[in-house]
Amino acid sequence: MNIKQFNGAYLIADDRLLFRISANEDVEYRFWLTRRVVLFILAATNHLISNQLKESHSLDAIKALIDFEQEAAKVGQTDSNGKLSQNLPPPANQFPIGFDPVLVTDVKCILQKDGLNDILILELVLPAGGNLSLSLAGTTLHAMCALLKQLSEVANWGALQLSSDAQAADAELEKPKKNSENPQLH
């Protein structure tokens, strides 16, 4: 699937995000994202990207690089106030998982190398055992994170700290590793 656009809206009555992924071929996927899922995606992507960059950058440089990438991803997607546009485009004609949004019950994040590029595999766990995997890199990854970050701020959801398991995984990543290993968070 080639992702064309991410869209989202915070629905205060449900305390959830309606998250839409538009793809080429007039295809759209619709999801309900909870606070736990959104904050985990933000924390996990930041954690995995930071760990990847630790090999060649200082902590201050890592934060600056991530902030720069997210700001660059917003170019052309913001309104006159500098906020990401929340105007939803017209719906597509094809809905592979149905017209109604599907609740994402869990998320798995894996960072892989593809040549010189880092690709985040975001696996959305759906009810009844279904999964949808997204391969995100570069601007697409940072655009998704920028949108989720803004929507979580609108929702006033705060921030999620990674669990002690993830911190232990972080310590494990600090050790020398084989090239075939891929950092993974769940």
N, C-alpha and C. Protein backbone atom coordinates (compact mmCIF):
# COMPACT_ATOMS: atom_id res chain seq x y z
N MET A 1 0.85 -1.17 0.00
CA MET A 1 0.00 0.00 0.00
C MET A 1 0.90 1.24 0.00
N ASN A 2 0.65 2.14 -0.92
CA ASN A 2 1.34 3.42 -0.94
C ASN A 2 0.47 4.45 -0.25
N ILE A 3 0.94 4.94 0.88
CA ILE A 3 0.17 5.90 1.66
C ILE A 3 0.21 7.26 0.98
N LYS A 4 -0.96 7.83 0.79
CA LYS A 4 -1.09 9.13 0.16
C LYS A 4 -1.24 10.22 1.22
N GLN A 5 -2.02 9.93 2.28
CA GLN A 5 -2.29 10.96 3.28
C GLN A 5 -2.80 10.33 4.57
N PHE A 6 -2.42 10.98 5.70
CA PHE A 6 -2.99 10.66 7.00
C PHE A 6 -3.94 11.79 7.39
N ASN A 7 -5.05 11.44 8.00
CA ASN A 7 -5.98 12.44 8.52
C ASN A 7 -6.46 11.97 9.87
N GLY A 8 -6.77 12.91 10.73
CA GLY A 8 -7.27 12.52 12.03
C GLY A 8 -8.11 13.60 12.65
N ALA A 9 -8.95 13.19 13.56
CA ALA A 9 -9.78 14.12 14.31
C ALA A 9 -9.99 13.55 15.70
N TYR A 10 -9.95 14.43 16.70
CA TYR A 10 -10.22 14.01 18.07
C TYR A 10 -11.71 14.15 18.32
N LEU A 11 -12.34 13.08 18.79
CA LEU A 11 -13.76 13.10 19.12
C LEU A 11 -13.89 13.09 20.64
N ILE A 12 -14.22 14.24 21.19
CA ILE A 12 -14.22 14.43 22.63
C ILE A 12 -15.23 13.50 23.33
N ALA A 13 -16.39 13.29 22.73
CA ALA A 13 -17.41 12.44 23.36
C ALA A 13 -16.94 11.00 23.52
N ASP A 14 -16.10 10.53 22.60
CA ASP A 14 -15.59 9.15 22.66
C ASP A 14 -14.20 9.08 23.27
N ASP A 15 -13.54 10.23 23.43
CA ASP A 15 -12.16 10.32 23.90
C ASP A 15 -11.26 9.39 23.08
N ARG A 16 -11.43 9.49 21.75
CA ARG A 16 -10.66 8.68 20.81
C ARG A 16 -10.35 9.53 19.59
N LEU A 17 -9.39 9.03 18.82
CA LEU A 17 -9.07 9.65 17.55
C LEU A 17 -9.68 8.83 16.43
N LEU A 18 -10.28 9.52 15.49
CA LEU A 18 -10.65 8.89 14.22
C LEU A 18 -9.45 9.11 13.32
N PHE A 19 -8.79 8.04 12.93
CA PHE A 19 -7.56 8.13 12.15
C PHE A 19 -7.80 7.47 10.80
N ARG A 20 -7.58 8.25 9.74
CA ARG A 20 -7.83 7.76 8.39
C ARG A 20 -6.51 7.71 7.62
N ILE A 21 -6.33 6.63 6.90
CA ILE A 21 -5.16 6.47 6.04
C ILE A 21 -5.68 6.34 4.61
N SER A 22 -5.32 7.32 3.79
CA SER A 22 -5.70 7.28 2.37
C SER A 22 -4.53 6.72 1.60
N ALA A 23 -4.84 5.80 0.72
CA ALA A 23 -3.80 5.17 -0.10
C ALA A 23 -4.15 5.38 -1.57
N ASN A 24 -3.16 5.13 -2.42
CA ASN A 24 -3.41 5.19 -3.85
C ASN A 24 -4.51 4.20 -4.21
N GLU A 25 -5.03 4.32 -5.40
CA GLU A 25 -6.09 3.43 -5.88
C GLU A 25 -7.44 3.74 -5.21
N ASP A 26 -7.61 4.95 -4.64
CA ASP A 26 -8.88 5.37 -4.03
C ASP A 26 -9.30 4.44 -2.89
N VAL A 27 -8.31 4.07 -2.05
CA VAL A 27 -8.52 3.16 -0.93
C VAL A 27 -8.35 3.94 0.37
N GLU A 28 -9.17 3.60 1.35
CA GLU A 28 -9.07 4.26 2.66
C GLU A 28 -9.27 3.24 3.77
N TYR A 29 -8.47 3.43 4.83
CA TYR A 29 -8.57 2.63 6.06
C TYR A 29 -8.96 3.58 7.17
N ARG A 30 -9.91 3.17 8.01
CA ARG A 30 -10.37 4.01 9.11
C ARG A 30 -10.21 3.25 10.43
N PHE A 31 -9.65 3.98 11.41
CA PHE A 31 -9.38 3.36 12.70
C PHE A 31 -9.82 4.27 13.84
N TRP A 32 -10.17 3.63 14.96
CA TRP A 32 -10.31 4.32 16.24
C TRP A 32 -9.00 4.09 16.98
N LEU A 33 -8.37 5.16 17.42
CA LEU A 33 -7.15 5.06 18.22
C LEU A 33 -7.41 5.60 19.61
N THR A 34 -7.08 4.81 20.61
CA THR A 34 -7.26 5.23 22.00
C THR A 34 -6.03 5.98 22.48
N ARG A 35 -6.14 6.59 23.63
CA ARG A 35 -5.02 7.30 24.24
C ARG A 35 -3.82 6.39 24.39
N ARG A 36 -4.04 5.20 24.91
CA ARG A 36 -2.94 4.26 25.15
C ARG A 36 -2.21 3.92 23.85
N VAL A 37 -2.94 3.67 22.78
CA VAL A 37 -2.35 3.31 21.50
C VAL A 37 -1.56 4.48 20.92
N VAL A 38 -2.15 5.68 20.92
CA VAL A 38 -1.49 6.85 20.34
C VAL A 38 -0.21 7.18 21.10
N LEU A 39 -0.29 7.21 22.42
CA LEU A 39 0.89 7.55 23.20
C LEU A 39 1.97 6.48 23.08
N PHE A 40 1.57 5.23 22.93
CA PHE A 40 2.55 4.18 22.73
C PHE A 40 3.25 4.35 21.38
N ILE A 41 2.49 4.64 20.33
CA ILE A 41 3.10 4.85 19.00
C ILE A 41 4.12 5.97 19.07
N LEU A 42 3.75 7.08 19.70
CA LEU A 42 4.66 8.23 19.81
C LEU A 42 5.91 7.89 20.61
N ALA A 43 5.72 7.23 21.76
CA ALA A 43 6.87 6.88 22.61
C ALA A 43 7.77 5.84 21.93
N ALA A 44 7.15 4.84 21.32
CA ALA A 44 7.93 3.76 20.70
C ALA A 44 8.70 4.25 19.48
N THR A 45 8.08 5.05 18.63
CA THR A 45 8.79 5.55 17.45
C THR A 45 9.94 6.45 17.87
N ASN A 46 9.70 7.31 18.83
CA ASN A 46 10.76 8.19 19.32
C ASN A 46 11.90 7.36 19.92
N HIS A 47 11.56 6.36 20.70
CA HIS A 47 12.54 5.47 21.35
C HIS A 47 13.39 4.73 20.30
N LEU A 48 12.73 4.13 19.32
CA LEU A 48 13.45 3.35 18.32
C LEU A 48 14.33 4.23 17.44
N ILE A 49 13.80 5.36 17.01
CA ILE A 49 14.60 6.27 16.17
C ILE A 49 15.77 6.83 16.96
N SER A 50 15.53 7.21 18.22
CA SER A 50 16.61 7.74 19.06
C SER A 50 17.71 6.70 19.25
N ASN A 51 17.34 5.46 19.51
CA ASN A 51 18.34 4.41 19.69
C ASN A 51 19.15 4.18 18.42
N GLN A 52 18.50 4.28 17.28
CA GLN A 52 19.21 4.12 16.02
C GLN A 52 20.21 5.26 15.82
N LEU A 53 19.81 6.46 16.18
CA LEU A 53 20.68 7.63 16.00
C LEU A 53 21.79 7.73 17.04
N LYS A 54 21.64 7.03 18.18
CA LYS A 54 22.64 7.09 19.25
C LYS A 54 24.01 6.63 18.78
N GLU A 55 24.02 5.81 17.74
CA GLU A 55 25.29 5.28 17.24
C GLU A 55 26.19 6.37 16.68
N SER A 56 25.58 7.47 16.20
CA SER A 56 26.40 8.49 15.54
C SER A 56 26.09 9.93 15.95
N HIS A 57 25.19 10.14 16.93
CA HIS A 57 24.81 11.50 17.31
C HIS A 57 24.69 11.64 18.83
N SER A 58 24.85 12.86 19.31
CA SER A 58 24.65 13.16 20.73
C SER A 58 23.15 13.22 21.02
N LEU A 59 22.78 13.19 22.30
CA LEU A 59 21.36 13.24 22.67
C LEU A 59 20.71 14.54 22.23
N ASP A 60 21.43 15.67 22.35
CA ASP A 60 20.88 16.95 21.91
C ASP A 60 20.67 16.95 20.40
N ALA A 61 21.60 16.39 19.66
CA ALA A 61 21.49 16.33 18.21
C ALA A 61 20.33 15.43 17.79
N ILE A 62 20.12 14.34 18.52
CA ILE A 62 19.01 13.43 18.22
C ILE A 62 17.69 14.14 18.35
N LYS A 63 17.49 14.85 19.47
CA LYS A 63 16.24 15.58 19.68
C LYS A 63 16.04 16.62 18.58
N ALA A 64 17.09 17.35 18.24
CA ALA A 64 17.00 18.36 17.19
C ALA A 64 16.66 17.73 15.84
N LEU A 65 17.28 16.59 15.53
CA LEU A 65 17.01 15.91 14.25
C LEU A 65 15.55 15.45 14.17
N ILE A 66 15.05 14.85 15.24
CA ILE A 66 13.67 14.36 15.24
C ILE A 66 12.71 15.54 15.12
N ASP A 67 12.94 16.61 15.88
CA ASP A 67 12.09 17.80 15.79
C ASP A 67 12.12 18.39 14.39
N PHE A 68 13.31 18.47 13.81
CA PHE A 68 13.45 19.02 12.45
C PHE A 68 12.68 18.17 11.44
N GLU A 69 12.81 16.85 11.53
CA GLU A 69 12.11 15.96 10.59
C GLU A 69 10.60 16.11 10.71
N GLN A 70 10.09 16.24 11.95
CA GLN A 70 8.65 16.41 12.11
C GLN A 70 8.18 17.75 11.58
N GLU A 71 8.96 18.80 11.80
CA GLU A 71 8.60 20.12 11.27
C GLU A 71 8.65 20.10 9.74
N ALA A 72 9.66 19.46 9.17
CA ALA A 72 9.78 19.38 7.72
C ALA A 72 8.60 18.61 7.13
N ALA A 73 8.12 17.59 7.84
CA ALA A 73 7.00 16.79 7.36
C ALA A 73 5.70 17.60 7.33
N LYS A 74 5.62 18.66 8.14
CA LYS A 74 4.42 19.49 8.20
C LYS A 74 4.31 20.48 7.04
N VAL A 75 5.42 20.75 6.34
CA VAL A 75 5.42 21.75 5.28
C VAL A 75 4.33 21.42 4.26
N GLY A 76 3.50 22.38 3.97
CA GLY A 76 2.41 22.20 3.02
C GLY A 76 1.18 21.54 3.62
N GLN A 77 1.25 21.17 4.91
CA GLN A 77 0.13 20.51 5.55
C GLN A 77 -0.43 21.33 6.70
N THR A 78 0.00 22.59 6.82
CA THR A 78 -0.44 23.41 7.95
C THR A 78 -1.33 24.54 7.48
N ASP A 79 -2.15 25.03 8.43
CA ASP A 79 -2.99 26.18 8.12
C ASP A 79 -2.24 27.47 8.46
N SER A 80 -2.93 28.59 8.40
CA SER A 80 -2.27 29.88 8.62
C SER A 80 -1.76 30.05 10.06
N ASN A 81 -2.26 29.25 11.00
CA ASN A 81 -1.81 29.31 12.39
C ASN A 81 -0.66 28.35 12.68
N GLY A 82 -0.19 27.63 11.66
CA GLY A 82 0.91 26.69 11.85
C GLY A 82 0.47 25.34 12.39
N LYS A 83 -0.84 25.12 12.50
CA LYS A 83 -1.36 23.83 12.98
C LYS A 83 -1.63 22.94 11.78
N LEU A 84 -1.43 21.63 11.99
CA LEU A 84 -1.75 20.69 10.92
C LEU A 84 -3.23 20.79 10.60
N SER A 85 -3.55 20.78 9.34
CA SER A 85 -4.94 20.89 8.91
C SER A 85 -5.72 19.68 9.37
N GLN A 86 -6.89 19.92 9.95
CA GLN A 86 -7.74 18.81 10.38
C GLN A 86 -8.95 18.66 9.47
N ASN A 87 -8.92 19.35 8.33
CA ASN A 87 -10.00 19.19 7.36
C ASN A 87 -9.86 17.83 6.70
N LEU A 88 -10.87 17.02 6.85
CA LEU A 88 -10.82 15.68 6.28
C LEU A 88 -11.22 15.72 4.82
N PRO A 89 -10.46 15.04 3.95
CA PRO A 89 -10.81 15.00 2.53
C PRO A 89 -12.05 14.14 2.32
N PRO A 90 -12.63 14.21 1.13
CA PRO A 90 -13.78 13.35 0.87
C PRO A 90 -13.39 11.88 0.98
N PRO A 91 -14.32 11.03 1.37
CA PRO A 91 -13.98 9.61 1.53
C PRO A 91 -13.65 8.95 0.20
N ALA A 92 -12.90 7.88 0.32
CA ALA A 92 -12.54 7.08 -0.86
C ALA A 92 -13.74 6.22 -1.25
N ASN A 93 -13.56 5.45 -2.29
CA ASN A 93 -14.63 4.56 -2.74
C ASN A 93 -14.41 3.11 -2.32
N GLN A 94 -13.20 2.78 -1.85
CA GLN A 94 -12.90 1.41 -1.46
C GLN A 94 -12.44 1.39 0.00
N PHE A 95 -13.01 0.48 0.78
CA PHE A 95 -12.69 0.36 2.20
C PHE A 95 -12.40 -1.11 2.51
N PRO A 96 -11.14 -1.54 2.36
CA PRO A 96 -10.80 -2.95 2.50
C PRO A 96 -11.19 -3.57 3.85
N ILE A 97 -11.21 -2.79 4.92
CA ILE A 97 -11.59 -3.35 6.23
C ILE A 97 -12.95 -2.85 6.68
N GLY A 98 -13.69 -2.22 5.77
CA GLY A 98 -15.04 -1.74 6.06
C GLY A 98 -15.09 -0.22 6.15
N PHE A 99 -16.31 0.30 5.97
CA PHE A 99 -16.53 1.74 6.00
C PHE A 99 -16.41 2.30 7.42
N ASP A 100 -16.94 1.56 8.40
CA ASP A 100 -16.88 2.01 9.79
C ASP A 100 -15.47 1.84 10.35
N PRO A 101 -15.02 2.79 11.19
CA PRO A 101 -13.69 2.67 11.79
C PRO A 101 -13.56 1.40 12.63
N VAL A 102 -12.36 0.82 12.64
CA VAL A 102 -12.06 -0.38 13.41
C VAL A 102 -11.17 0.02 14.58
N LEU A 103 -11.48 -0.47 15.75
CA LEU A 103 -10.69 -0.16 16.95
C LEU A 103 -9.34 -0.87 16.90
N VAL A 104 -8.27 -0.11 17.06
CA VAL A 104 -6.93 -0.69 17.15
C VAL A 104 -6.74 -1.07 18.61
N THR A 105 -6.54 -2.37 18.86
CA THR A 105 -6.44 -2.86 20.24
C THR A 105 -5.01 -2.89 20.76
N ASP A 106 -4.04 -2.93 19.87
CA ASP A 106 -2.63 -2.97 20.28
C ASP A 106 -1.78 -2.58 19.08
N VAL A 107 -0.50 -2.32 19.36
CA VAL A 107 0.43 -1.90 18.32
C VAL A 107 1.77 -2.58 18.56
N LYS A 108 2.43 -2.95 17.49
CA LYS A 108 3.81 -3.44 17.55
C LYS A 108 4.64 -2.56 16.63
N CYS A 109 5.83 -2.20 17.08
CA CYS A 109 6.73 -1.36 16.28
C CYS A 109 8.06 -2.07 16.12
N ILE A 110 8.54 -2.13 14.88
CA ILE A 110 9.83 -2.75 14.59
C ILE A 110 10.59 -1.80 13.67
N LEU A 111 11.84 -1.50 14.02
CA LEU A 111 12.67 -0.66 13.17
C LEU A 111 13.61 -1.56 12.39
N GLN A 112 13.57 -1.44 11.05
CA GLN A 112 14.41 -2.25 10.18
C GLN A 112 15.23 -1.36 9.28
N LYS A 113 16.34 -1.90 8.82
CA LYS A 113 17.19 -1.22 7.85
C LYS A 113 16.81 -1.68 6.46
N ASP A 114 16.72 -0.74 5.52
CA ASP A 114 16.53 -1.06 4.12
C ASP A 114 17.60 -0.28 3.38
N GLY A 115 18.75 -0.89 3.23
CA GLY A 115 19.91 -0.17 2.68
C GLY A 115 20.37 0.86 3.69
N LEU A 116 20.35 2.11 3.30
CA LEU A 116 20.73 3.18 4.22
C LEU A 116 19.55 3.77 4.97
N ASN A 117 18.33 3.38 4.59
CA ASN A 117 17.13 3.95 5.19
C ASN A 117 16.63 3.11 6.37
N ASP A 118 16.11 3.81 7.36
CA ASP A 118 15.43 3.16 8.47
C ASP A 118 13.94 3.12 8.14
N ILE A 119 13.34 1.95 8.30
CA ILE A 119 11.91 1.79 8.04
C ILE A 119 11.26 1.27 9.30
N LEU A 120 10.20 1.95 9.71
CA LEU A 120 9.44 1.51 10.87
C LEU A 120 8.27 0.68 10.38
N ILE A 121 8.19 -0.54 10.87
CA ILE A 121 7.04 -1.40 10.59
C ILE A 121 6.08 -1.20 11.75
N LEU A 122 4.93 -0.62 11.45
CA LEU A 122 3.90 -0.37 12.45
C LEU A 122 2.79 -1.38 12.22
N GLU A 123 2.67 -2.31 13.15
CA GLU A 123 1.65 -3.34 13.02
C GLU A 123 0.48 -3.00 13.93
N LEU A 124 -0.66 -2.70 13.32
CA LEU A 124 -1.86 -2.37 14.06
C LEU A 124 -2.62 -3.67 14.31
N VAL A 125 -2.83 -3.98 15.59
CA VAL A 125 -3.55 -5.19 15.97
C VAL A 125 -5.03 -4.85 16.06
N LEU A 126 -5.85 -5.59 15.31
CA LEU A 126 -7.27 -5.33 15.22
C LEU A 126 -8.05 -6.42 15.95
N PRO A 127 -9.31 -6.16 16.27
CA PRO A 127 -10.12 -7.19 16.95
C PRO A 127 -10.20 -8.47 16.12
N ALA A 128 -10.48 -9.55 16.80
CA ALA A 128 -10.64 -10.87 16.17
C ALA A 128 -9.36 -11.34 15.50
N GLY A 129 -8.20 -10.87 15.97
CA GLY A 129 -6.93 -11.39 15.50
C GLY A 129 -6.40 -10.81 14.21
N GLY A 130 -7.05 -9.83 13.64
CA GLY A 130 -6.56 -9.24 12.40
C GLY A 130 -5.44 -8.25 12.66
N ASN A 131 -4.58 -8.06 11.67
CA ASN A 131 -3.47 -7.11 11.75
C ASN A 131 -3.37 -6.35 10.44
N LEU A 132 -2.87 -5.12 10.53
CA LEU A 132 -2.54 -4.35 9.34
C LEU A 132 -1.15 -3.78 9.57
N SER A 133 -0.21 -4.12 8.69
CA SER A 133 1.17 -3.64 8.82
C SER A 133 1.42 -2.50 7.86
N LEU A 134 2.02 -1.44 8.40
CA LEU A 134 2.40 -0.28 7.61
C LEU A 134 3.91 -0.15 7.64
N SER A 135 4.51 0.06 6.49
CA SER A 135 5.95 0.33 6.41
C SER A 135 6.10 1.83 6.23
N LEU A 136 6.72 2.47 7.22
CA LEU A 136 6.84 3.92 7.22
C LEU A 136 8.30 4.34 7.28
N ALA A 137 8.65 5.28 6.45
CA ALA A 137 10.02 5.79 6.45
C ALA A 137 10.00 7.28 6.18
N GLY A 138 11.05 7.96 6.57
CA GLY A 138 11.26 9.35 6.23
C GLY A 138 10.10 10.26 6.52
N THR A 139 9.70 11.02 5.52
CA THR A 139 8.66 12.03 5.67
C THR A 139 7.33 11.42 6.08
N THR A 140 7.01 10.26 5.54
CA THR A 140 5.73 9.61 5.87
C THR A 140 5.66 9.29 7.36
N LEU A 141 6.72 8.73 7.91
CA LEU A 141 6.78 8.41 9.33
C LEU A 141 6.66 9.67 10.17
N HIS A 142 7.42 10.69 9.83
CA HIS A 142 7.41 11.91 10.63
C HIS A 142 6.09 12.67 10.49
N ALA A 143 5.45 12.60 9.33
CA ALA A 143 4.15 13.23 9.15
C ALA A 143 3.11 12.56 10.05
N MET A 144 3.13 11.23 10.11
CA MET A 144 2.19 10.52 10.97
C MET A 144 2.42 10.89 12.43
N CYS A 145 3.69 10.89 12.85
CA CYS A 145 4.00 11.22 14.24
C CYS A 145 3.62 12.66 14.58
N ALA A 146 3.86 13.60 13.65
CA ALA A 146 3.50 15.00 13.88
C ALA A 146 1.99 15.14 14.05
N LEU A 147 1.21 14.45 13.22
CA LEU A 147 -0.24 14.51 13.32
C LEU A 147 -0.72 13.90 14.63
N LEU A 148 -0.20 12.71 14.98
CA LEU A 148 -0.61 12.08 16.24
C LEU A 148 -0.22 12.92 17.45
N LYS A 149 0.95 13.55 17.38
CA LYS A 149 1.39 14.41 18.48
C LYS A 149 0.46 15.60 18.64
N GLN A 150 0.11 16.25 17.55
CA GLN A 150 -0.79 17.40 17.62
C GLN A 150 -2.16 16.99 18.14
N LEU A 151 -2.69 15.88 17.64
CA LEU A 151 -4.01 15.43 18.09
C LEU A 151 -4.01 15.03 19.56
N SER A 152 -2.91 14.43 20.03
CA SER A 152 -2.84 14.07 21.46
C SER A 152 -2.75 15.32 22.33
N GLU A 153 -2.14 16.38 21.80
CA GLU A 153 -2.11 17.65 22.53
C GLU A 153 -3.49 18.29 22.58
N VAL A 154 -4.24 18.22 21.46
CA VAL A 154 -5.61 18.72 21.43
C VAL A 154 -6.46 17.96 22.44
N ALA A 155 -6.23 16.66 22.54
CA ALA A 155 -6.98 15.81 23.47
C ALA A 155 -6.49 15.97 24.91
N ASN A 156 -5.35 16.65 25.09
CA ASN A 156 -4.76 16.84 26.42
C ASN A 156 -4.46 15.49 27.09
N TRP A 157 -3.84 14.59 26.32
CA TRP A 157 -3.54 13.25 26.80
C TRP A 157 -2.20 13.13 27.51
N GLY A 158 -1.39 14.15 27.50
CA GLY A 158 -0.09 14.07 28.17
C GLY A 158 0.87 13.21 27.38
N ALA A 159 1.80 12.61 28.11
CA ALA A 159 2.83 11.79 27.46
C ALA A 159 2.91 10.44 28.15
N LEU A 160 3.35 9.46 27.42
CA LEU A 160 3.51 8.10 27.93
C LEU A 160 4.98 7.80 28.10
N GLN A 161 5.37 7.32 29.24
CA GLN A 161 6.74 6.88 29.45
C GLN A 161 6.80 5.39 29.15
N LEU A 162 7.88 4.97 28.54
CA LEU A 162 8.03 3.56 28.24
C LEU A 162 8.17 2.75 29.52
N SER A 163 7.67 1.54 29.51
CA SER A 163 7.70 0.66 30.67
C SER A 163 9.13 0.23 30.99
N SER A 164 9.29 -0.40 32.14
CA SER A 164 10.62 -0.88 32.52
C SER A 164 11.11 -1.95 31.54
N ASP A 165 10.17 -2.70 30.93
CA ASP A 165 10.57 -3.69 29.91
C ASP A 165 11.21 -2.99 28.71
N ALA A 166 10.62 -1.88 28.28
CA ALA A 166 11.19 -1.14 27.16
C ALA A 166 12.51 -0.50 27.55
N GLN A 167 12.62 -0.04 28.80
CA GLN A 167 13.87 0.54 29.25
C GLN A 167 14.95 -0.54 29.32
N ALA A 168 14.57 -1.75 29.72
CA ALA A 168 15.52 -2.85 29.74
C ALA A 168 15.95 -3.19 28.30
N ALA A 169 14.98 -3.13 27.37
CA ALA A 169 15.31 -3.36 25.96
C ALA A 169 16.26 -2.28 25.46
N ASP A 170 16.05 -1.05 25.93
CA ASP A 170 16.93 0.06 25.57
C ASP A 170 18.35 -0.22 26.04
N ALA A 171 18.48 -0.70 27.27
CA ALA A 171 19.80 -1.03 27.81
C ALA A 171 20.43 -2.15 26.99
N GLU A 172 19.62 -3.09 26.57
CA GLU A 172 20.11 -4.21 25.76
C GLU A 172 20.61 -3.70 24.40
N LEU A 173 19.92 -2.70 23.86
CA LEU A 173 20.32 -2.13 22.58
C LEU A 173 21.65 -1.40 22.67
N GLU A 174 21.98 -0.92 23.86
CA GLU A 174 23.23 -0.20 24.06
C GLU A 174 24.43 -1.13 23.87
N LYS A 175 24.22 -2.42 24.13
CA LYS A 175 25.30 -3.40 23.97
C LYS A 175 25.60 -3.58 22.49
N PRO A 176 26.82 -4.00 22.15
CA PRO A 176 27.12 -4.27 20.74
C PRO A 176 26.13 -5.31 20.21
N LYS A 177 25.66 -5.09 18.99
CA LYS A 177 24.66 -6.00 18.44
C LYS A 177 25.07 -6.50 17.07
N LYS A 178 24.47 -7.61 16.69
CA LYS A 178 24.70 -8.18 15.37
C LYS A 178 23.90 -7.35 14.36
N ASN A 179 24.38 -7.27 13.15
CA ASN A 179 23.70 -6.50 12.11
C ASN A 179 22.33 -7.07 11.76
N SER A 180 22.10 -8.34 12.03
CA SER A 180 20.84 -8.96 11.64
C SER A 180 19.71 -8.69 12.63
N GLU A 181 20.02 -8.13 13.79
CA GLU A 181 18.98 -7.89 14.79
C GLU A 181 18.22 -6.62 14.43
N ASN A 182 16.92 -6.63 14.68
CA ASN A 182 16.07 -5.46 14.46
C ASN A 182 15.45 -5.06 15.80
N PRO A 183 15.63 -3.79 16.22
CA PRO A 183 14.99 -3.37 17.46
C PRO A 183 13.47 -3.49 17.31
N GLN A 184 12.81 -3.94 18.35
CA GLN A 184 11.38 -4.13 18.31
C GLN A 184 10.78 -3.74 19.65
N LEU A 185 9.65 -3.07 19.61
CA LEU A 185 8.90 -2.74 20.80
C LEU A 185 7.49 -3.24 20.64
N HIS A 186 6.91 -3.72 21.73
CA HIS A 186 5.51 -4.15 21.70
C HIS A 186 4.88 -3.68 22.97
